[in-house]
PDB file of N, CA and C in Angstrom:
ATOM      1  N   MET A   1      10.043  34.607   0.213  1.00  0.00           N
ATOM      2  CA  MET A   1      10.388  33.928   1.112  1.00  0.00           C
ATOM      3  C   MET A   1      11.388  32.464   0.018  1.00  0.00           C
ATOM      4  N   ASP A   2      12.108  32.119   0.689  1.00  0.00           N
ATOM      5  CA  ASP A   2      13.045  30.769  -0.038  1.00  0.00           C
ATOM      6  C   ASP A   2      11.943  29.756  -0.346  1.00  0.00           C
ATOM      7  N   ILE A   3      11.909  29.187  -1.106  1.00  0.00           N
ATOM      8  CA  ILE A   3      11.031  27.822  -1.946  1.00  0.00           C
ATOM      9  C   ILE A   3      11.956  26.746  -0.864  1.00  0.00           C
ATOM     10  N   LYS A   4      12.776  26.590  -0.583  1.00  0.00           N
ATOM     11  CA  LYS A   4      13.505  25.695   0.106  1.00  0.00           C
ATOM     12  C   LYS A   4      13.056  25.789   1.851  1.00  0.00           C
ATOM     13  N   LYS A   5      12.983  26.685   2.146  1.00  0.00           N
ATOM     14  CA  LYS A   5      12.722  26.825   3.598  1.00  0.00           C
ATOM     15  C   LYS A   5      10.889  26.232   3.706  1.00  0.00           C
ATOM     16  N   ARG A   6      10.380  26.763   2.725  1.00  0.00           N
ATOM     17  CA  ARG A   6       8.858  26.691   2.687  1.00  0.00           C
ATOM     18  C   ARG A   6       8.430  25.306   2.729  1.00  0.00           C
ATOM     19  N   ASN A   7       9.267  24.389   2.150  1.00  0.00           N
ATOM     20  CA  ASN A   7       9.124  23.026   1.705  1.00  0.00           C
ATOM     21  C   ASN A   7       9.405  21.970   2.612  1.00  0.00           C
ATOM     22  N   LYS A   8      10.016  22.459   3.787  1.00  0.00           N
ATOM     23  CA  LYS A   8      10.720  21.577   4.693  1.00  0.00           C
ATOM     24  C   LYS A   8       9.781  21.119   6.215  1.00  0.00           C
ATOM     25  N   ILE A   9      10.107  20.018   6.090  1.00  0.00           N
ATOM     26  CA  ILE A   9       9.327  19.177   7.171  1.00  0.00           C
ATOM     27  C   ILE A   9       9.595  20.255   8.281  1.00  0.00           C
ATOM     28  N   LYS A  10       8.931  20.629   9.193  1.00  0.00           N
ATOM     29  CA  LYS A  10       9.371  21.391  10.705  1.00  0.00           C
ATOM     30  C   LYS A  10       9.391  20.142  11.436  1.00  0.00           C
ATOM     31  N   ALA A  11       8.288  19.671  12.041  1.00  0.00           N
ATOM     32  CA  ALA A  11       8.266  18.813  12.995  1.00  0.00           C
ATOM     33  C   ALA A  11       8.415  17.306  12.668  1.00  0.00           C
ATOM     34  N   LYS A  12       9.949  16.907  12.525  1.00  0.00           N
ATOM     35  CA  LYS A  12      10.029  15.310  11.674  1.00  0.00           C
ATOM     36  C   LYS A  12      10.096  14.414  13.224  1.00  0.00           C
ATOM     37  N   ASN A  13       9.429  12.999  12.752  1.00  0.00           N
ATOM     38  CA  ASN A  13       8.865  12.460  13.621  1.00  0.00           C
ATOM     39  C   ASN A  13      10.256  11.572  14.255  1.00  0.00           C
ATOM     40  N   THR A  14      11.288  11.782  15.212  1.00  0.00           N
ATOM     41  CA  THR A  14      12.130  10.753  15.645  1.00  0.00           C
ATOM     42  C   THR A  14      12.454   9.283  16.488  1.00  0.00           C
ATOM     43  N   ARG A  15      11.104   8.992  16.506  1.00  0.00           N
ATOM     44  CA  ARG A  15      10.888   7.865  17.619  1.00  0.00           C
ATOM     45  C   ARG A  15      11.324   6.853  16.125  1.00  0.00           C
ATOM     46  N   LYS A  16      12.127   5.540  17.413  1.00  0.00           N
ATOM     47  CA  LYS A  16      12.593   4.380  16.426  1.00  0.00           C
ATOM     48  C   LYS A  16      11.270   3.896  15.526  1.00  0.00           C
ATOM     49  N   GLY A  17      11.255   3.412  14.045  1.00  0.00           N
ATOM     50  CA  GLY A  17      10.471   3.149  13.475  1.00  0.00           C
ATOM     51  C   GLY A  17      10.123   3.937  12.619  1.00  0.00           C
ATOM     52  N   SER A  18      10.234   5.296  12.689  1.00  0.00           N
ATOM     53  CA  SER A  18      10.230   6.122  11.765  1.00  0.00           C
ATOM     54  C   SER A  18      10.848   6.333  10.772  1.00  0.00           C
ATOM     55  N   ASN A  19      10.332   7.078   9.534  1.00  0.00           N
ATOM     56  CA  ASN A  19      11.486   7.471   8.974  1.00  0.00           C
ATOM     57  C   ASN A  19      11.850   8.796   8.584  1.00  0.00           C
ATOM     58  N   LYS A  20      12.946   8.486   8.405  1.00  0.00           N
ATOM     59  CA  LYS A  20      14.139   9.787   8.498  1.00  0.00           C
ATOM     60  C   LYS A  20      13.347  10.804   7.477  1.00  0.00           C
ATOM     61  N   LYS A  21      13.540  10.777   6.562  1.00  0.00           N
ATOM     62  CA  LYS A  21      12.928  11.675   5.619  1.00  0.00           C
ATOM     63  C   LYS A  21      11.560  12.108   5.351  1.00  0.00           C
ATOM     64  N   THR A  22      10.628  11.608   5.974  1.00  0.00           N
ATOM     65  CA  THR A  22       9.162  12.072   5.890  1.00  0.00           C
ATOM     66  C   THR A  22       8.534  12.156   7.417  1.00  0.00           C
ATOM     67  N   GLY A  23       9.334  11.488   8.379  1.00  0.00           N
ATOM     68  CA  GLY A  23       8.709  11.500   9.811  1.00  0.00           C
ATOM     69  C   GLY A  23       7.953  10.744  10.055  1.00  0.00           C
ATOM     70  N   ARG A  24       7.219   9.932   8.923  1.00  0.00           N
ATOM     71  CA  ARG A  24       6.116   8.952   9.252  1.00  0.00           C
ATOM     72  C   ARG A  24       6.304   8.163   9.824  1.00  0.00           C
ATOM     73  N   ASP A  25       5.608   7.351  10.813  1.00  0.00           N
ATOM     74  CA  ASP A  25       5.919   6.321  12.180  1.00  0.00           C
ATOM     75  C   ASP A  25       5.426   5.328  10.976  1.00  0.00           C
ATOM     76  N   TYR A  26       6.065   4.119  10.560  1.00  0.00           N
ATOM     77  CA  TYR A  26       5.720   3.097  10.151  1.00  0.00           C
ATOM     78  C   TYR A  26       5.349   1.886  11.259  1.00  0.00           C
ATOM     79  N   SER A  27       5.649   1.816  12.364  1.00  0.00           N
ATOM     80  CA  SER A  27       6.040   0.738  13.268  1.00  0.00           C
ATOM     81  C   SER A  27       3.968  -0.366  12.858  1.00  0.00           C
ATOM     82  N   LYS A  28       2.970   0.797  13.215  1.00  0.00           N
ATOM     83  CA  LYS A  28       2.194   0.080  13.699  1.00  0.00           C
ATOM     84  C   LYS A  28       1.963  -0.443  12.237  1.00  0.00           C
ATOM     85  N   GLU A  29       2.193   0.294  11.103  1.00  0.00           N
ATOM     86  CA  GLU A  29       1.318  -0.314   9.399  1.00  0.00           C
ATOM     87  C   GLU A  29       2.530  -1.819  10.060  1.00  0.00           C
ATOM     88  N   LYS A  30       3.424  -2.034   9.648  1.00  0.00           N
ATOM     89  CA  LYS A  30       4.842  -3.238   9.593  1.00  0.00           C
ATOM     90  C   LYS A  30       3.943  -4.410  10.625  1.00  0.00           C
ATOM     91  N   GLU A  31       3.371  -4.263  11.308  1.00  0.00           N
ATOM     92  CA  GLU A  31       2.650  -5.040  12.571  1.00  0.00           C
ATOM     93  C   GLU A  31       1.566  -5.479  12.097  1.00  0.00           C
ATOM     94  N   TYR A  32       0.261  -4.596  11.480  1.00  0.00           N
ATOM     95  CA  TYR A  32      -0.812  -4.727  11.014  1.00  0.00           C
ATOM     96  C   TYR A  32      -0.257  -5.757   9.595  1.00  0.00           C
ATOM     97  N   GLN A  33       0.861  -5.548   8.728  1.00  0.00           N
ATOM     98  CA  GLN A  33       0.605  -6.336   7.238  1.00  0.00           C
ATOM     99  C   GLN A  33       1.400  -7.298   7.692  1.00  0.00           C
ATOM    100  N   SER A  34       2.113  -7.790   8.929  1.00  0.00           N
ATOM    101  CA  SER A  34       3.205  -8.768   8.763  1.00  0.00           C
ATOM    102  C   SER A  34       1.604  -9.877   9.939  1.00  0.00           C
ATOM    103  N   SER A  35       0.773  -9.526   9.523  1.00  0.00           N
ATOM    104  CA  SER A  35      -0.537 -10.050  10.929  1.00  0.00           C
ATOM    105  C   SER A  35      -0.605 -11.458  10.007  1.00  0.00           C
ATOM    106  N   PRO A  36      -1.296 -12.318  10.475  1.00  0.00           N
ATOM    107  CA  PRO A  36      -1.488 -13.588   9.595  1.00  0.00           C
ATOM    108  C   PRO A  36      -2.571 -13.325   8.367  1.00  0.00           C
ATOM    109  N   GLY A  37      -3.848 -12.539   9.197  1.00  0.00           N
ATOM    110  CA  GLY A  37      -4.621 -12.616   8.290  1.00  0.00           C
ATOM    111  C   GLY A  37      -4.510 -11.752   6.938  1.00  0.00           C
ATOM    112  N   ARG A  38      -3.685 -10.553   6.798  1.00  0.00           N
ATOM    113  CA  ARG A  38      -2.909  -9.859   5.882  1.00  0.00           C
ATOM    114  C   ARG A  38      -2.228 -10.420   5.020  1.00  0.00           C
ATOM    115  N   ILE A  39      -1.094 -12.032   5.961  1.00  0.00           N
ATOM    116  CA  ILE A  39      -0.618 -12.410   5.154  1.00  0.00           C
ATOM    117  C   ILE A  39      -1.362 -13.570   3.340  1.00  0.00           C
ATOM    118  N   LYS A  40      -2.453 -14.080   4.784  1.00  0.00           N
ATOM    119  CA  LYS A  40      -3.096 -14.865   3.936  1.00  0.00           C
ATOM    120  C   LYS A  40      -4.080 -14.014   3.017  1.00  0.00           C
ATOM    121  N   TYR A  41      -4.613 -12.664   3.275  1.00  0.00           N
ATOM    122  CA  TYR A  41      -5.178 -12.089   2.259  1.00  0.00           C
ATOM    123  C   TYR A  41      -3.931 -11.772   1.038  1.00  0.00           C
ATOM    124  N   ARG A  42      -2.855 -11.543   1.169  1.00  0.00           N
ATOM    125  CA  ARG A  42      -2.169 -11.108   0.206  1.00  0.00           C
ATOM    126  C   ARG A  42      -1.659 -12.459  -0.780  1.00  0.00           C
ATOM    127  N   GLN A  43      -1.825 -13.747  -0.241  1.00  0.00           N
ATOM    128  CA  GLN A  43      -1.315 -14.925  -0.682  1.00  0.00           C
ATOM    129  C   GLN A  43      -2.538 -15.393  -1.673  1.00  0.00           C
ATOM    130  N   GLU A  44      -3.483 -14.711  -1.110  1.00  0.00           N
ATOM    131  CA  GLU A  44      -4.730 -15.317  -2.006  1.00  0.00           C
ATOM    132  C   GLU A  44      -4.531 -14.445  -3.170  1.00  0.00           C
ATOM    133  N   LEU A  45      -4.584 -12.917  -3.377  1.00  0.00           N
ATOM    134  CA  LEU A  45      -4.342 -12.129  -4.324  1.00  0.00           C
ATOM    135  C   LEU A  45      -3.139 -12.223  -5.416  1.00  0.00           C
ATOM    136  N   ASN A  46      -2.119 -12.778  -4.647  1.00  0.00           N
ATOM    137  CA  ASN A  46      -0.634 -13.413  -5.615  1.00  0.00           C
ATOM    138  C   ASN A  46      -1.157 -14.506  -6.465  1.00  0.00           C
ATOM    139  N   ALA A  47      -1.729 -15.694  -5.838  1.00  0.00           N
ATOM    140  CA  ALA A  47      -2.116 -16.733  -6.313  1.00  0.00           C
ATOM    141  C   ALA A  47      -2.552 -16.368  -7.604  1.00  0.00           C
ATOM    142  N   ALA A  48      -3.954 -15.505  -7.545  1.00  0.00           N
ATOM    143  CA  ALA A  48      -5.006 -15.454  -8.395  1.00  0.00           C
ATOM    144  C   ALA A  48      -4.111 -14.247  -9.676  1.00  0.00           C
ATOM    145  N   ASN A  49      -3.532 -13.769  -9.350  1.00  0.00           N
ATOM    146  CA  ASN A  49      -2.776 -13.020 -10.282  1.00  0.00           C
ATOM    147  C   ASN A  49      -2.172 -13.584 -11.231  1.00  0.00           C
ATOM    148  N   ARG A  50      -0.819 -14.688 -10.455  1.00  0.00           N
ATOM    149  CA  ARG A  50      -0.146 -16.078 -11.097  1.00  0.00           C
ATOM    150  C   ARG A  50      -1.043 -16.638 -12.144  1.00  0.00           C
ATOM    151  N   LYS A  51      -2.014 -17.069 -11.632  1.00  0.00           N
ATOM    152  CA  LYS A  51      -3.183 -17.969 -12.290  1.00  0.00           C
ATOM    153  C   LYS A  51      -3.530 -16.948 -13.750  1.00  0.00           C
ATOM    154  N   ALA A  52      -3.674 -15.626 -13.352  1.00  0.00           N
ATOM    155  CA  ALA A  52      -4.284 -15.035 -14.352  1.00  0.00           C
ATOM    156  C   ALA A  52      -2.987 -14.158 -15.373  1.00  0.00           C
ATOM    157  N   LYS A  53      -1.969 -14.878 -15.087  1.00  0.00           N
ATOM    158  CA  LYS A  53      -0.617 -14.247 -15.963  1.00  0.00           C
ATOM    159  C   LYS A  53      -0.426 -12.866 -16.080  1.00  0.00           C
ATOM    160  N   THR A  54      -1.214 -12.152 -15.042  1.00  0.00           N
ATOM    161  CA  THR A  54      -0.494 -10.474 -15.250  1.00  0.00           C
ATOM    162  C   THR A  54       0.552 -10.407 -13.777  1.00  0.00           C
ATOM    163  N   TYR A  55       0.863 -11.637 -13.229  1.00  0.00           N
ATOM    164  CA  TYR A  55       2.245 -11.019 -12.265  1.00  0.00           C
ATOM    165  C   TYR A  55       3.432 -10.358 -12.747  1.00  0.00           C
ATOM    166  N   ALA A  56       3.456  -9.431 -12.388  1.00  0.00           N
ATOM    167  CA  ALA A  56       4.618  -8.626 -12.664  1.00  0.00           C
ATOM    168  C   ALA A  56       4.932  -8.721 -14.318  1.00  0.00           C
ATOM    169  N   ASN A  57       4.355  -8.942 -14.935  1.00  0.00           N
ATOM    170  CA  ASN A  57       4.272  -8.142 -16.485  1.00  0.00           C
ATOM    171  C   ASN A  57       4.208  -7.024 -17.317  1.00  0.00           C
ATOM    172  N   GLY A  58       3.772  -6.121 -15.699  1.00  0.00           N
ATOM    173  CA  GLY A  58       4.042  -4.660 -16.310  1.00  0.00           C
ATOM    174  C   GLY A  58       2.678  -4.124 -17.044  1.00  0.00           C
ATOM    175  N   ASP A  59       1.405  -4.780 -17.211  1.00  0.00           N
ATOM    176  CA  ASP A  59       0.052  -4.664 -17.857  1.00  0.00           C
ATOM    177  C   ASP A  59       0.006  -3.532 -16.755  1.00  0.00           C
ATOM    178  N   GLY A  60      -0.100  -3.054 -15.725  1.00  0.00           N
ATOM    179  CA  GLY A  60      -0.896  -2.434 -14.626  1.00  0.00           C
ATOM    180  C   GLY A  60      -1.986  -3.426 -14.590  1.00  0.00           C
ATOM    181  N   MET A  61      -2.455  -4.258 -14.226  1.00  0.00           N
ATOM    182  CA  MET A  61      -3.469  -4.430 -13.543  1.00  0.00           C
ATOM    183  C   MET A  61      -3.103  -5.262 -12.538  1.00  0.00           C
ATOM    184  N   ASP A  62      -3.970  -5.357 -11.773  1.00  0.00           N
ATOM    185  CA  ASP A  62      -4.019  -6.167 -10.708  1.00  0.00           C
ATOM    186  C   ASP A  62      -5.367  -6.773 -10.153  1.00  0.00           C
ATOM    187  N   MET A  63      -5.159  -8.120  -9.191  1.00  0.00           N
ATOM    188  CA  MET A  63      -6.594  -8.725  -8.807  1.00  0.00           C
ATOM    189  C   MET A  63      -7.258  -8.252  -7.362  1.00  0.00           C
ATOM    190  N   SER A  64      -8.512  -8.003  -7.071  1.00  0.00           N
ATOM    191  CA  SER A  64      -8.986  -7.503  -6.474  1.00  0.00           C
ATOM    192  C   SER A  64     -10.449  -7.989  -5.745  1.00  0.00           C
ATOM    193  N   HIS A  65     -10.434  -7.669  -4.308  1.00  0.00           N
ATOM    194  CA  HIS A  65     -10.987  -8.503  -3.338  1.00  0.00           C
ATOM    195  C   HIS A  65     -12.503  -7.637  -4.125  1.00  0.00           C
ATOM    196  N   THR A  66     -13.709  -8.143  -4.256  1.00  0.00           N
ATOM    197  CA  THR A  66     -15.118  -7.466  -4.118  1.00  0.00           C
ATOM    198  C   THR A  66     -15.489  -7.782  -2.507  1.00  0.00           C
ATOM    199  N   LYS A  67     -16.995  -6.891  -2.804  1.00  0.00           N
ATOM    200  CA  LYS A  67     -17.237  -6.289  -1.458  1.00  0.00           C
ATOM    201  C   LYS A  67     -17.935  -8.243  -1.228  1.00  0.00           C
ATOM    202  N   SER A  68     -18.464  -8.822  -2.142  1.00  0.00           N
ATOM    203  CA  SER A  68     -18.726 -10.342  -1.929  1.00  0.00           C
ATOM    204  C   SER A  68     -18.159 -11.116  -1.999  1.00  0.00           C
ATOM    205  N   GLY A  69     -16.524 -10.939  -1.860  1.00  0.00           N
ATOM    206  CA  GLY A  69     -15.147 -11.973  -1.959  1.00  0.00           C
ATOM    207  C   GLY A  69     -15.136 -12.364  -3.267  1.00  0.00           C
ATOM    208  N   LYS A  70     -15.477 -12.130  -4.259  1.00  0.00           N
ATOM    209  CA  LYS A  70     -14.912 -12.826  -5.177  1.00  0.00           C
ATOM    210  C   LYS A  70     -13.337 -11.950  -6.036  1.00  0.00           C
ATOM    211  N   ILE A  71     -12.954 -12.479  -6.828  1.00  0.00           N
ATOM    212  CA  ILE A  71     -11.583 -12.103  -6.960  1.00  0.00           C
ATOM    213  C   ILE A  71     -11.472 -11.521  -8.500  1.00  0.00           C
ATOM    214  N   VAL A  72     -11.453 -10.605  -8.740  1.00  0.00           N
ATOM    215  CA  VAL A  72     -11.553 -10.040 -10.139  1.00  0.00           C
ATOM    216  C   VAL A  72     -10.324  -9.036 -10.304  1.00  0.00           C
ATOM    217  N   LEU A  73     -10.097  -8.821 -11.811  1.00  0.00           N
ATOM    218  CA  LEU A  73      -8.600  -8.045 -12.635  1.00  0.00           C
ATOM    219  C   LEU A  73      -9.460  -6.622 -13.010  1.00  0.00           C
ATOM    220  N   GLU A  74      -8.732  -5.799 -12.078  1.00  0.00           N
ATOM    221  CA  GLU A  74      -9.144  -4.093 -12.507  1.00  0.00           C
ATOM    222  C   GLU A  74      -7.299  -3.570 -12.713  1.00  0.00           C
ATOM    223  N   PRO A  75      -7.390  -2.316 -12.982  1.00  0.00           N
ATOM    224  CA  PRO A  75      -6.555  -1.309 -13.158  1.00  0.00           C
ATOM    225  C   PRO A  75      -5.808  -1.285 -12.091  1.00  0.00           C
ATOM    226  N   GLN A  76      -4.306  -1.181 -12.022  1.00  0.00           N
ATOM    227  CA  GLN A  76      -4.121  -1.293 -10.303  1.00  0.00           C
ATOM    228  C   GLN A  76      -3.919   0.421  -9.871  1.00  0.00           C
ATOM    229  N   SER A  77      -4.166   1.465 -10.594  1.00  0.00           N
ATOM    230  CA  SER A  77      -4.599   2.583 -10.007  1.00  0.00           C
ATOM    231  C   SER A  77      -5.810   3.001  -9.497  1.00  0.00           C
ATOM    232  N   LYS A  78      -6.992   2.081  -9.833  1.00  0.00           N
ATOM    233  CA  LYS A  78      -8.150   1.902  -9.178  1.00  0.00           C
ATOM    234  C   LYS A  78      -8.885   1.225  -7.881  1.00  0.00           C
ATOM    235  N   ASN A  79      -7.751   0.196  -7.878  1.00  0.00           N
ATOM    236  CA  ASN A  79      -7.431  -1.062  -6.819  1.00  0.00           C
ATOM    237  C   ASN A  79      -7.158  -0.353  -5.582  1.00  0.00           C
ATOM    238  N   ARG A  80      -5.700   0.755  -5.741  1.00  0.00           N
ATOM    239  CA  ARG A  80      -5.091   1.310  -5.225  1.00  0.00           C
ATOM    240  C   ARG A  80      -5.588   2.213  -4.009  1.00  0.00           C
ATOM    241  N   ALA A  81      -5.977   3.122  -5.063  1.00  0.00           N
ATOM    242  CA  ALA A  81      -6.741   4.079  -4.409  1.00  0.00           C
ATOM    243  C   ALA A  81      -8.141   3.772  -3.757  1.00  0.00           C
ATOM    244  N   ARG A  82      -8.801   3.123  -4.025  1.00  0.00           N
ATOM    245  CA  ARG A  82      -9.983   2.683  -3.034  1.00  0.00           C
ATOM    246  C   ARG A  82      -8.958   2.804  -1.710  1.00  0.00           C
ATOM    247  N   ASN A  83     -10.588   3.079  -0.453  1.00  0.00           N
ATOM    248  CA  ASN A  83     -10.118   2.884   0.658  1.00  0.00           C
ATOM    249  C   ASN A  83      -9.213   3.446   1.298  1.00  0.00           C
ATOM    250  N   ARG A  84      -8.519   4.861   0.762  1.00  0.00           N
ATOM    251  CA  ARG A  84      -7.184   5.407   1.115  1.00  0.00           C
ATOM    252  C   ARG A  84      -7.493   6.684   2.642  1.00  0.00           C
ATOM    253  N   GLY A  85      -8.648   6.704   2.479  1.00  0.00           N
ATOM    254  CA  GLY A  85      -8.817   7.906   4.042  1.00  0.00           C
ATOM    255  C   GLY A  85      -8.644   9.311   3.097  1.00  0.00           C
ATOM    256  N   LYS A  86      -8.990   9.992   3.726  1.00  0.00           N
ATOM    257  CA  LYS A  86      -9.013  11.485   3.733  1.00  0.00           C
ATOM    258  C   LYS A  86      -7.846  11.580   4.013  1.00  0.00           C
ATOM    259  N   LYS A  87      -7.267  13.068   3.340  1.00  0.00           N
ATOM    260  CA  LYS A  87      -5.986  13.831   3.931  1.00  0.00           C
ATOM    261  C   LYS A  87      -6.389  15.300   4.265  1.00  0.00           C
TER     262      LYS A  87
END
């Protein structure tokens, strides 16, 4: 079997808002991320990141909300891997 044939996506999503390459529909994601609560959440983290002087300096660190609501510094890989759901 040819490798190229084996790796192709068989049923791409052609609805409006879907990514043409992967077929994934991002319309709900866009709606969620643009909600006032999500915007405020990102603003808090960005402000804390700037205050800690780690914003866009390439050090691989992120500010993260803990369960208690405190904002702490931790590696991006750990912060962004949490709560991603099972595939």
